[in-house]
């Protein structure tokens, strides 16, 4: 697996897991349902993550990193977490 492809595969698995965990919690989705919602195989998932717990940790790290970027962009660590999460959206909400 080339490095670029591995990075893309890992990111796709994390994105699918993030959506599954957001929709169904940690206990709800199985590894198979996460794979079904990604473009990866079970082998590729286990190449990057030895367990569902390791995958969940990667999802949490992604969310933490996104929050940190928002705080940096806003220039203040005093931002309320709910405001930061709302700022993660790339689409505007109708008023």
PDB file of N, CA and C in Angstrom:
ATOM      1  N   UNK A   1       0.857  -1.169   0.000  1.00  0.00           N
ATOM      2  CA  UNK A   1       0.000   0.000   0.000  1.00  0.00           C
ATOM      3  C   UNK A   1       0.908   1.239   0.000  1.00  0.00           C
ATOM      4  N   UNK A   2       0.678   2.120  -0.941  1.00  0.00           N
ATOM      5  CA  UNK A   2       1.486   3.337  -0.988  1.00  0.00           C
ATOM      6  C   UNK A   2       1.118   4.237   0.190  1.00  0.00           C
ATOM      7  N   UNK A   3       2.043   5.099   0.550  1.00  0.00           N
ATOM      8  CA  UNK A   3       1.812   5.959   1.709  1.00  0.00           C
ATOM      9  C   UNK A   3       0.591   6.856   1.505  1.00  0.00           C
ATOM     10  N   UNK A   4       0.460   7.442   0.325  1.00  0.00           N
ATOM     11  CA  UNK A   4      -0.679   8.331   0.049  1.00  0.00           C
ATOM     12  C   UNK A   4      -1.998   7.559   0.130  1.00  0.00           C
ATOM     13  N   UNK A   5      -2.009   6.372  -0.421  1.00  0.00           N
ATOM     14  CA  UNK A   5      -3.220   5.550  -0.386  1.00  0.00           C
ATOM     15  C   UNK A   5      -3.539   5.131   1.051  1.00  0.00           C
ATOM     16  N   UNK A   6      -2.505   4.805   1.818  1.00  0.00           N
ATOM     17  CA  UNK A   6      -2.711   4.417   3.214  1.00  0.00           C
ATOM     18  C   UNK A   6      -3.306   5.567   4.020  1.00  0.00           C
ATOM     19  N   UNK A   7      -2.825   6.769   3.779  1.00  0.00           N
ATOM     20  CA  UNK A   7      -3.347   7.949   4.478  1.00  0.00           C
ATOM     21  C   UNK A   7      -4.815   8.159   4.128  1.00  0.00           C
ATOM     22  N   UNK A   8      -5.137   8.018   2.846  1.00  0.00           N
ATOM     23  CA  UNK A   8      -6.523   8.192   2.391  1.00  0.00           C
ATOM     24  C   UNK A   8      -7.429   7.099   2.975  1.00  0.00           C
ATOM     25  N   UNK A   9      -6.939   5.872   2.992  1.00  0.00           N
ATOM     26  CA  UNK A   9      -7.711   4.763   3.545  1.00  0.00           C
ATOM     27  C   UNK A   9      -7.987   4.976   5.023  1.00  0.00           C
ATOM     28  N   UNK A  10      -6.952   5.345   5.764  1.00  0.00           N
ATOM     29  CA  UNK A  10      -7.090   5.581   7.204  1.00  0.00           C
ATOM     30  C   UNK A  10      -8.106   6.694   7.463  1.00  0.00           C
ATOM     31  N   UNK A  11      -8.002   7.781   6.714  1.00  0.00           N
ATOM     32  CA  UNK A  11      -8.929   8.902   6.886  1.00  0.00           C
ATOM     33  C   UNK A  11     -10.363   8.485   6.573  1.00  0.00           C
ATOM     34  N   UNK A  12     -10.549   7.662   5.547  1.00  0.00           N
ATOM     35  CA  UNK A  12     -11.885   7.194   5.193  1.00  0.00           C
ATOM     36  C   UNK A  12     -12.499   6.315   6.265  1.00  0.00           C
ATOM     37  N   UNK A  13     -11.685   5.454   6.856  1.00  0.00           N
ATOM     38  CA  UNK A  13     -12.166   4.592   7.936  1.00  0.00           C
ATOM     39  C   UNK A  13     -12.552   5.443   9.144  1.00  0.00           C
ATOM     40  N   UNK A  14     -11.716   6.413   9.478  1.00  0.00           N
ATOM     41  CA  UNK A  14     -12.014   7.292  10.614  1.00  0.00           C
ATOM     42  C   UNK A  14     -13.304   8.074  10.358  1.00  0.00           C
ATOM     43  N   UNK A  15     -13.476   8.585   9.154  1.00  0.00           N
ATOM     44  CA  UNK A  15     -14.690   9.349   8.832  1.00  0.00           C
ATOM     45  C   UNK A  15     -15.937   8.475   8.952  1.00  0.00           C
ATOM     46  N   UNK A  16     -15.857   7.249   8.448  1.00  0.00           N
ATOM     47  CA  UNK A  16     -17.003   6.338   8.546  1.00  0.00           C
ATOM     48  C   UNK A  16     -17.298   6.008  10.006  1.00  0.00           C
ATOM     49  N   UNK A  17     -16.258   5.764  10.784  1.00  0.00           N
ATOM     50  CA  UNK A  17     -16.446   5.452  12.202  1.00  0.00           C
ATOM     51  C   UNK A  17     -17.020   6.651  12.951  1.00  0.00           C
ATOM     52  N   UNK A  18     -16.528   7.832  12.633  1.00  0.00           N
ATOM     53  CA  UNK A  18     -17.038   9.042  13.288  1.00  0.00           C
ATOM     54  C   UNK A  18     -18.539   9.183  13.058  1.00  0.00           C
ATOM     55  N   UNK A  19     -18.972   8.958  11.835  1.00  0.00           N
ATOM     56  CA  UNK A  19     -20.398   9.065  11.521  1.00  0.00           C
ATOM     57  C   UNK A  19     -21.197   7.983  12.237  1.00  0.00           C
ATOM     58  N   UNK A  20     -20.686   6.756  12.220  1.00  0.00           N
ATOM     59  CA  UNK A  20     -21.381   5.652  12.897  1.00  0.00           C
ATOM     60  C   UNK A  20     -21.483   5.908  14.403  1.00  0.00           C
ATOM     61  N   UNK A  21     -20.387   6.347  15.026  1.00  0.00           N
ATOM     62  CA  UNK A  21     -20.407   6.620  16.465  1.00  0.00           C
ATOM     63  C   UNK A  21     -21.338   7.787  16.781  1.00  0.00           C
ATOM     64  N   UNK A  22     -21.359   8.794  15.933  1.00  0.00           N
ATOM     65  CA  UNK A  22     -22.250   9.938  16.143  1.00  0.00           C
ATOM     66  C   UNK A  22     -23.710   9.509  16.041  1.00  0.00           C
ATOM     67  N   UNK A  23     -24.005   8.641  15.089  1.00  0.00           N
ATOM     68  CA  UNK A  23     -25.383   8.201  14.872  1.00  0.00           C
ATOM     69  C   UNK A  23     -25.854   7.165  15.890  1.00  0.00           C
ATOM     70  N   UNK A  24     -24.941   6.248  16.285  1.00  0.00           N
ATOM     71  CA  UNK A  24     -25.370   5.074  17.047  1.00  0.00           C
ATOM     72  C   UNK A  24     -24.624   4.862  18.357  1.00  0.00           C
ATOM     73  N   UNK A  25     -23.755   5.809  18.727  1.00  0.00           N
ATOM     74  CA  UNK A  25     -22.969   5.630  19.947  1.00  0.00           C
ATOM     75  C   UNK A  25     -21.817   4.666  19.718  1.00  0.00           C
ATOM     76  N   UNK A  26     -21.053   4.407  20.764  1.00  0.00           N
ATOM     77  CA  UNK A  26     -19.901   3.512  20.629  1.00  0.00           C
ATOM     78  C   UNK A  26     -20.340   2.055  20.497  1.00  0.00           C
ATOM     79  N   UNK A  27     -21.297   1.636  21.297  1.00  0.00           N
ATOM     80  CA  UNK A  27     -21.696   0.230  21.320  1.00  0.00           C
ATOM     81  C   UNK A  27     -22.515  -0.176  20.096  1.00  0.00           C
ATOM     82  N   UNK A  28     -23.210   0.765  19.477  1.00  0.00           N
ATOM     83  CA  UNK A  28     -24.120   0.446  18.377  1.00  0.00           C
ATOM     84  C   UNK A  28     -23.474  -0.158  17.147  1.00  0.00           C
ATOM     85  N   UNK A  29     -22.530   0.521  16.535  1.00  0.00           N
ATOM     86  CA  UNK A  29     -21.970   0.000  15.293  1.00  0.00           C
ATOM     87  C   UNK A  29     -20.965  -1.128  15.523  1.00  0.00           C
ATOM     88  N   UNK A  30     -20.957  -2.046  14.591  1.00  0.00           N
ATOM     89  CA  UNK A  30     -19.942  -3.104  14.595  1.00  0.00           C
ATOM     90  C   UNK A  30     -18.835  -2.701  13.628  1.00  0.00           C
ATOM     91  N   UNK A  31     -17.733  -3.408  13.696  1.00  0.00           N
ATOM     92  CA  UNK A  31     -16.655  -3.173  12.731  1.00  0.00           C
ATOM     93  C   UNK A  31     -17.205  -3.366  11.319  1.00  0.00           C
ATOM     94  N   UNK A  32     -18.049  -4.380  11.132  1.00  0.00           N
ATOM     95  CA  UNK A  32     -18.616  -4.632   9.802  1.00  0.00           C
ATOM     96  C   UNK A  32     -19.485  -3.478   9.314  1.00  0.00           C
ATOM     97  N   UNK A  33     -20.263  -2.857  10.200  1.00  0.00           N
ATOM     98  CA  UNK A  33     -21.101  -1.734   9.758  1.00  0.00           C
ATOM     99  C   UNK A  33     -20.250  -0.510   9.444  1.00  0.00           C
ATOM    100  N   UNK A  34     -19.163  -0.333  10.172  1.00  0.00           N
ATOM    101  CA  UNK A  34     -18.251   0.774   9.870  1.00  0.00           C
ATOM    102  C   UNK A  34     -17.615   0.553   8.503  1.00  0.00           C
ATOM    103  N   UNK A  35     -17.181  -0.662   8.235  1.00  0.00           N
ATOM    104  CA  UNK A  35     -16.583  -0.988   6.934  1.00  0.00           C
ATOM    105  C   UNK A  35     -17.601  -0.790   5.817  1.00  0.00           C
ATOM    106  N   UNK A  36     -18.842  -1.194   6.061  1.00  0.00           N
ATOM    107  CA  UNK A  36     -19.887  -1.054   5.043  1.00  0.00           C
ATOM    108  C   UNK A  36     -20.120   0.407   4.671  1.00  0.00           C
ATOM    109  N   UNK A  37     -19.860   1.314   5.597  1.00  0.00           N
ATOM    110  CA  UNK A  37     -20.057   2.739   5.334  1.00  0.00           C
ATOM    111  C   UNK A  37     -18.774   3.451   4.936  1.00  0.00           C
ATOM    112  N   UNK A  38     -17.739   2.686   4.665  1.00  0.00           N
ATOM    113  CA  UNK A  38     -16.481   3.255   4.170  1.00  0.00           C
ATOM    114  C   UNK A  38     -16.172   2.593   2.832  1.00  0.00           C
ATOM    115  N   UNK A  39     -15.070   2.967   2.249  1.00  0.00           N
ATOM    116  CA  UNK A  39     -14.656   2.336   0.991  1.00  0.00           C
ATOM    117  C   UNK A  39     -13.521   1.352   1.237  1.00  0.00           C
ATOM    118  N   UNK A  40     -13.362   0.933   2.486  1.00  0.00           N
ATOM    119  CA  UNK A  40     -12.244   0.077   2.866  1.00  0.00           C
ATOM    120  C   UNK A  40     -12.679  -1.356   3.102  1.00  0.00           C
ATOM    121  N   UNK A  41     -11.683  -2.194   3.271  1.00  0.00           N
ATOM    122  CA  UNK A  41     -11.913  -3.598   3.598  1.00  0.00           C
ATOM    123  C   UNK A  41     -11.614  -3.819   5.078  1.00  0.00           C
ATOM    124  N   UNK A  42     -12.048  -4.965   5.590  1.00  0.00           N
ATOM    125  CA  UNK A  42     -11.761  -5.295   6.976  1.00  0.00           C
ATOM    126  C   UNK A  42     -10.252  -5.383   7.202  1.00  0.00           C
ATOM    127  N   UNK A  43      -9.535  -5.935   6.241  1.00  0.00           N
ATOM    128  CA  UNK A  43      -8.078  -6.021   6.355  1.00  0.00           C
ATOM    129  C   UNK A  43      -7.429  -4.653   6.451  1.00  0.00           C
ATOM    130  N   UNK A  44      -7.914  -3.708   5.646  1.00  0.00           N
ATOM    131  CA  UNK A  44      -7.366  -2.347   5.681  1.00  0.00           C
ATOM    132  C   UNK A  44      -7.660  -1.685   7.017  1.00  0.00           C
ATOM    133  N   UNK A  45      -8.862  -1.890   7.532  1.00  0.00           N
ATOM    134  CA  UNK A  45      -9.203  -1.313   8.828  1.00  0.00           C
ATOM    135  C   UNK A  45      -8.265  -1.856   9.905  1.00  0.00           C
ATOM    136  N   UNK A  46      -8.099  -3.181   9.933  1.00  0.00           N
ATOM    137  CA  UNK A  46      -7.247  -3.778  10.959  1.00  0.00           C
ATOM    138  C   UNK A  46      -5.765  -3.498  10.729  1.00  0.00           C
ATOM    139  N   UNK A  47      -5.376  -3.144   9.528  1.00  0.00           N
ATOM    140  CA  UNK A  47      -4.001  -2.721   9.276  1.00  0.00           C
ATOM    141  C   UNK A  47      -3.709  -1.436  10.050  1.00  0.00           C
ATOM    142  N   UNK A  48      -4.686  -0.542  10.082  1.00  0.00           N
ATOM    143  CA  UNK A  48      -4.513   0.752  10.738  1.00  0.00           C
ATOM    144  C   UNK A  48      -4.921   0.741  12.209  1.00  0.00           C
ATOM    145  N   UNK A  49      -5.908  -0.063  12.563  1.00  0.00           N
ATOM    146  CA  UNK A  49      -6.460  -0.054  13.919  1.00  0.00           C
ATOM    147  C   UNK A  49      -6.626  -1.488  14.418  1.00  0.00           C
ATOM    148  N   UNK A  50      -5.942  -1.851  15.501  1.00  0.00           N
ATOM    149  CA  UNK A  50      -6.021  -3.229  15.986  1.00  0.00           C
ATOM    150  C   UNK A  50      -7.358  -3.582  16.642  1.00  0.00           C
ATOM    151  N   UNK A  51      -8.171  -2.565  16.952  1.00  0.00           N
ATOM    152  CA  UNK A  51      -9.433  -2.824  17.641  1.00  0.00           C
ATOM    153  C   UNK A  51     -10.409  -1.672  17.417  1.00  0.00           C
ATOM    154  N   UNK A  52     -11.655  -1.922  17.782  1.00  0.00           N
ATOM    155  CA  UNK A  52     -12.674  -0.875  17.719  1.00  0.00           C
ATOM    156  C   UNK A  52     -12.309   0.255  18.680  1.00  0.00           C
ATOM    157  N   UNK A  53     -11.747  -0.097  19.822  1.00  0.00           N
ATOM    158  CA  UNK A  53     -11.332   0.916  20.790  1.00  0.00           C
ATOM    159  C   UNK A  53     -10.251   1.828  20.208  1.00  0.00           C
ATOM    160  N   UNK A  54      -9.282   1.249  19.512  1.00  0.00           N
ATOM    161  CA  UNK A  54      -8.224   2.059  18.886  1.00  0.00           C
ATOM    162  C   UNK A  54      -8.813   2.977  17.818  1.00  0.00           C
ATOM    163  N   UNK A  55      -9.795   2.479  17.086  1.00  0.00           N
ATOM    164  CA  UNK A  55     -10.472   3.293  16.079  1.00  0.00           C
ATOM    165  C   UNK A  55     -11.223   4.447  16.748  1.00  0.00           C
ATOM    166  N   UNK A  56     -11.914   4.166  17.838  1.00  0.00           N
ATOM    167  CA  UNK A  56     -12.632   5.220  18.568  1.00  0.00           C
ATOM    168  C   UNK A  56     -11.661   6.270  19.101  1.00  0.00           C
ATOM    169  N   UNK A  57     -10.496   5.841  19.554  1.00  0.00           N
ATOM    170  CA  UNK A  57      -9.486   6.798  20.026  1.00  0.00           C
ATOM    171  C   UNK A  57      -9.032   7.710  18.890  1.00  0.00           C
ATOM    172  N   UNK A  58      -8.885   7.155  17.685  1.00  0.00           N
ATOM    173  CA  UNK A  58      -8.500   7.969  16.526  1.00  0.00           C
ATOM    174  C   UNK A  58      -9.600   8.970  16.182  1.00  0.00           C
ATOM    175  N   UNK A  59     -10.850   8.548  16.288  1.00  0.00           N
ATOM    176  CA  UNK A  59     -11.979   9.458  16.044  1.00  0.00           C
ATOM    177  C   UNK A  59     -11.940  10.602  17.058  1.00  0.00           C
ATOM    178  N   UNK A  60     -11.748  10.277  18.316  1.00  0.00           N
ATOM    179  CA  UNK A  60     -11.690  11.316  19.352  1.00  0.00           C
ATOM    180  C   UNK A  60     -10.521  12.265  19.127  1.00  0.00           C
ATOM    181  N   UNK A  61      -9.392  11.745  18.687  1.00  0.00           N
ATOM    182  CA  UNK A  61      -8.239  12.598  18.394  1.00  0.00           C
ATOM    183  C   UNK A  61      -8.559  13.551  17.243  1.00  0.00           C
ATOM    184  N   UNK A  62      -9.263  13.062  16.223  1.00  0.00           N
ATOM    185  CA  UNK A  62      -9.673  13.932  15.112  1.00  0.00           C
ATOM    186  C   UNK A  62     -10.585  15.057  15.590  1.00  0.00           C
ATOM    187  N   UNK A  63     -11.531  14.724  16.441  1.00  0.00           N
ATOM    188  CA  UNK A  63     -12.457  15.728  16.965  1.00  0.00           C
ATOM    189  C   UNK A  63     -11.699  16.738  17.826  1.00  0.00           C
ATOM    190  N   UNK A  64     -10.779  16.255  18.671  1.00  0.00           N
ATOM    191  CA  UNK A  64      -9.975  17.149  19.499  1.00  0.00           C
ATOM    192  C   UNK A  64      -9.135  18.080  18.634  1.00  0.00           C
ATOM    193  N   UNK A  65      -8.544  17.548  17.574  1.00  0.00           N
ATOM    194  CA  UNK A  65      -7.735  18.368  16.666  1.00  0.00           C
ATOM    195  C   UNK A  65      -8.585  19.428  15.974  1.00  0.00           C
ATOM    196  N   UNK A  66      -9.782  19.037  15.551  1.00  0.00           N
ATOM    197  CA  UNK A  66     -10.683  19.997  14.902  1.00  0.00           C
ATOM    198  C   UNK A  66     -11.058  21.104  15.880  1.00  0.00           C
ATOM    199  N   UNK A  67     -11.346  20.743  17.118  1.00  0.00           N
ATOM    200  CA  UNK A  67     -11.676  21.734  18.145  1.00  0.00           C
ATOM    201  C   UNK A  67     -10.498  22.681  18.356  1.00  0.00           C
ATOM    202  N   UNK A  68      -9.288  22.136  18.431  1.00  0.00           N
ATOM    203  CA  UNK A  68      -8.092  22.969  18.632  1.00  0.00           C
ATOM    204  C   UNK A  68      -7.891  23.950  17.486  1.00  0.00           C
ATOM    205  N   UNK A  69      -8.132  23.490  16.263  1.00  0.00           N
ATOM    206  CA  UNK A  69      -7.992  24.386  15.108  1.00  0.00           C
ATOM    207  C   UNK A  69      -9.007  25.523  15.177  1.00  0.00           C
ATOM    208  N   UNK A  70     -10.216  25.220  15.605  1.00  0.00           N
ATOM    209  CA  UNK A  70     -11.244  26.257  15.727  1.00  0.00           C
ATOM    210  C   UNK A  70     -10.842  27.265  16.792  1.00  0.00           C
ATOM    211  N   UNK A  71     -10.356  26.780  17.916  1.00  0.00           N
ATOM    212  CA  UNK A  71      -9.925  27.677  18.990  1.00  0.00           C
ATOM    213  C   UNK A  71      -8.796  28.571  18.498  1.00  0.00           C
ATOM    214  N   UNK A  72      -7.828  27.996  17.793  1.00  0.00           N
ATOM    215  CA  UNK A  72      -6.719  28.789  17.253  1.00  0.00           C
ATOM    216  C   UNK A  72      -7.223  29.845  16.277  1.00  0.00           C
ATOM    217  N   UNK A  73      -8.144  29.449  15.416  1.00  0.00           N
ATOM    218  CA  UNK A  73      -8.688  30.372  14.422  1.00  0.00           C
ATOM    219  C   UNK A  73      -9.443  31.517  15.098  1.00  0.00           C
ATOM    220  N   UNK A  74     -10.147  31.206  16.148  1.00  0.00           N
ATOM    221  CA  UNK A  74     -10.911  32.229  16.872  1.00  0.00           C
ATOM    222  C   UNK A  74     -10.015  33.033  17.804  1.00  0.00           C
ATOM    223  N   UNK A  75      -8.835  32.500  18.115  1.00  0.00           N
ATOM    224  CA  UNK A  75      -7.882  33.220  18.943  1.00  0.00           C
ATOM    225  C   UNK A  75      -8.167  33.189  20.427  1.00  0.00           C
ATOM    226  N   UNK A  76      -8.987  32.239  20.880  1.00  0.00           N
ATOM    227  CA  UNK A  76      -9.296  32.198  22.305  1.00  0.00           C
ATOM    228  C   UNK A  76      -9.638  30.788  22.741  1.00  0.00           C
ATOM    229  N   UNK A  77      -9.075  30.398  23.869  1.00  0.00           N
ATOM    230  CA  UNK A  77      -9.425  29.106  24.453  1.00  0.00           C
ATOM    231  C   UNK A  77     -10.679  29.234  25.316  1.00  0.00           C
ATOM    232  N   UNK A  78     -11.222  30.450  25.410  1.00  0.00           N
ATOM    233  CA  UNK A  78     -12.415  30.685  26.219  1.00  0.00           C
ATOM    234  C   UNK A  78     -13.704  30.355  25.469  1.00  0.00           C
ATOM    235  N   UNK A  79     -13.584  29.890  24.245  1.00  0.00           N
ATOM    236  CA  UNK A  79     -14.770  29.552  23.463  1.00  0.00           C
ATOM    237  C   UNK A  79     -15.468  28.346  24.105  1.00  0.00           C
ATOM    238  N   UNK A  80     -16.762  28.421  24.200  1.00  0.00           N
ATOM    239  CA  UNK A  80     -17.548  27.325  24.765  1.00  0.00           C
ATOM    240  C   UNK A  80     -17.510  26.143  23.794  1.00  0.00           C
ATOM    241  N   UNK A  81     -17.364  24.916  24.297  1.00  0.00           N
ATOM    242  CA  UNK A  81     -17.294  23.753  23.403  1.00  0.00           C
ATOM    243  C   UNK A  81     -18.461  23.647  22.427  1.00  0.00           C
ATOM    244  N   UNK A  82     -19.673  24.011  22.848  1.00  0.00           N
ATOM    245  CA  UNK A  82     -20.819  23.943  21.939  1.00  0.00           C
ATOM    246  C   UNK A  82     -20.673  24.937  20.792  1.00  0.00           C
ATOM    247  N   UNK A  83     -20.121  26.106  21.086  1.00  0.00           N
ATOM    248  CA  UNK A  83     -19.876  27.083  20.027  1.00  0.00           C
ATOM    249  C   UNK A  83     -18.812  26.571  19.065  1.00  0.00           C
ATOM    250  N   UNK A  84     -17.814  25.900  19.598  1.00  0.00           N
ATOM    251  CA  UNK A  84     -16.762  25.340  18.744  1.00  0.00           C
ATOM    252  C   UNK A  84     -17.325  24.264  17.832  1.00  0.00           C
ATOM    253  N   UNK A  85     -18.172  23.402  18.380  1.00  0.00           N
ATOM    254  CA  UNK A  85     -18.777  22.343  17.572  1.00  0.00           C
ATOM    255  C   UNK A  85     -19.656  22.955  16.490  1.00  0.00           C
ATOM    256  N   UNK A  86     -20.419  23.969  16.838  1.00  0.00           N
ATOM    257  CA  UNK A  86     -21.255  24.644  15.843  1.00  0.00           C
ATOM    258  C   UNK A  86     -20.392  25.256  14.754  1.00  0.00           C
ATOM    259  N   UNK A  87     -19.216  25.741  15.109  1.00  0.00           N
ATOM    260  CA  UNK A  87     -18.296  26.328  14.142  1.00  0.00           C
ATOM    261  C   UNK A  87     -17.642  25.316  13.229  1.00  0.00           C
ATOM    262  N   UNK A  88     -17.766  24.016  13.539  1.00  0.00           N
ATOM    263  CA  UNK A  88     -17.185  22.972  12.696  1.00  0.00           C
ATOM    264  C   UNK A  88     -17.979  22.790  11.414  1.00  0.00           C
ATOM    265  N   UNK A  89     -19.225  23.198  11.430  1.00  0.00           N
ATOM    266  CA  UNK A  89     -20.085  23.034  10.269  1.00  0.00           C
ATOM    267  C   UNK A  89     -19.593  23.901   9.124  1.00  0.00           C
ATOM    268  N   UNK A  90     -19.562  23.317   7.932  1.00  0.00           N
ATOM    269  CA  UNK A  90     -19.130  24.079   6.758  1.00  0.00           C
ATOM    270  C   UNK A  90     -20.312  24.621   5.977  1.00  0.00           C
ATOM    271  N   UNK A  91     -21.514  24.290   6.420  1.00  0.00           N
ATOM    272  CA  UNK A  91     -22.706  24.801   5.740  1.00  0.00           C
ATOM    273  C   UNK A  91     -23.366  25.835   6.626  1.00  0.00           C
ATOM    274  N   UNK A  92     -23.988  26.799   6.008  1.00  0.00           N
ATOM    275  CA  UNK A  92     -24.679  27.819   6.797  1.00  0.00           C
ATOM    276  C   UNK A  92     -26.104  27.370   7.054  1.00  0.00           C
ATOM    277  N   UNK A  93     -26.596  27.731   8.209  1.00  0.00           N
ATOM    278  CA  UNK A  93     -27.961  27.390   8.583  1.00  0.00           C
ATOM    279  C   UNK A  93     -28.886  28.529   8.182  1.00  0.00           C
ATOM    280  N   UNK A  94     -30.078  28.216   7.699  1.00  0.00           N
ATOM    281  CA  UNK A  94     -31.028  29.282   7.381  1.00  0.00           C
ATOM    282  C   UNK A  94     -31.462  29.990   8.656  1.00  0.00           C
ATOM    283  N   UNK A  95     -31.695  31.299   8.548  1.00  0.00           N
ATOM    284  CA  UNK A  95     -32.115  32.045   9.741  1.00  0.00           C
ATOM    285  C   UNK A  95     -33.595  32.034   9.926  1.00  0.00           C
TER     286      UNK A  95
END
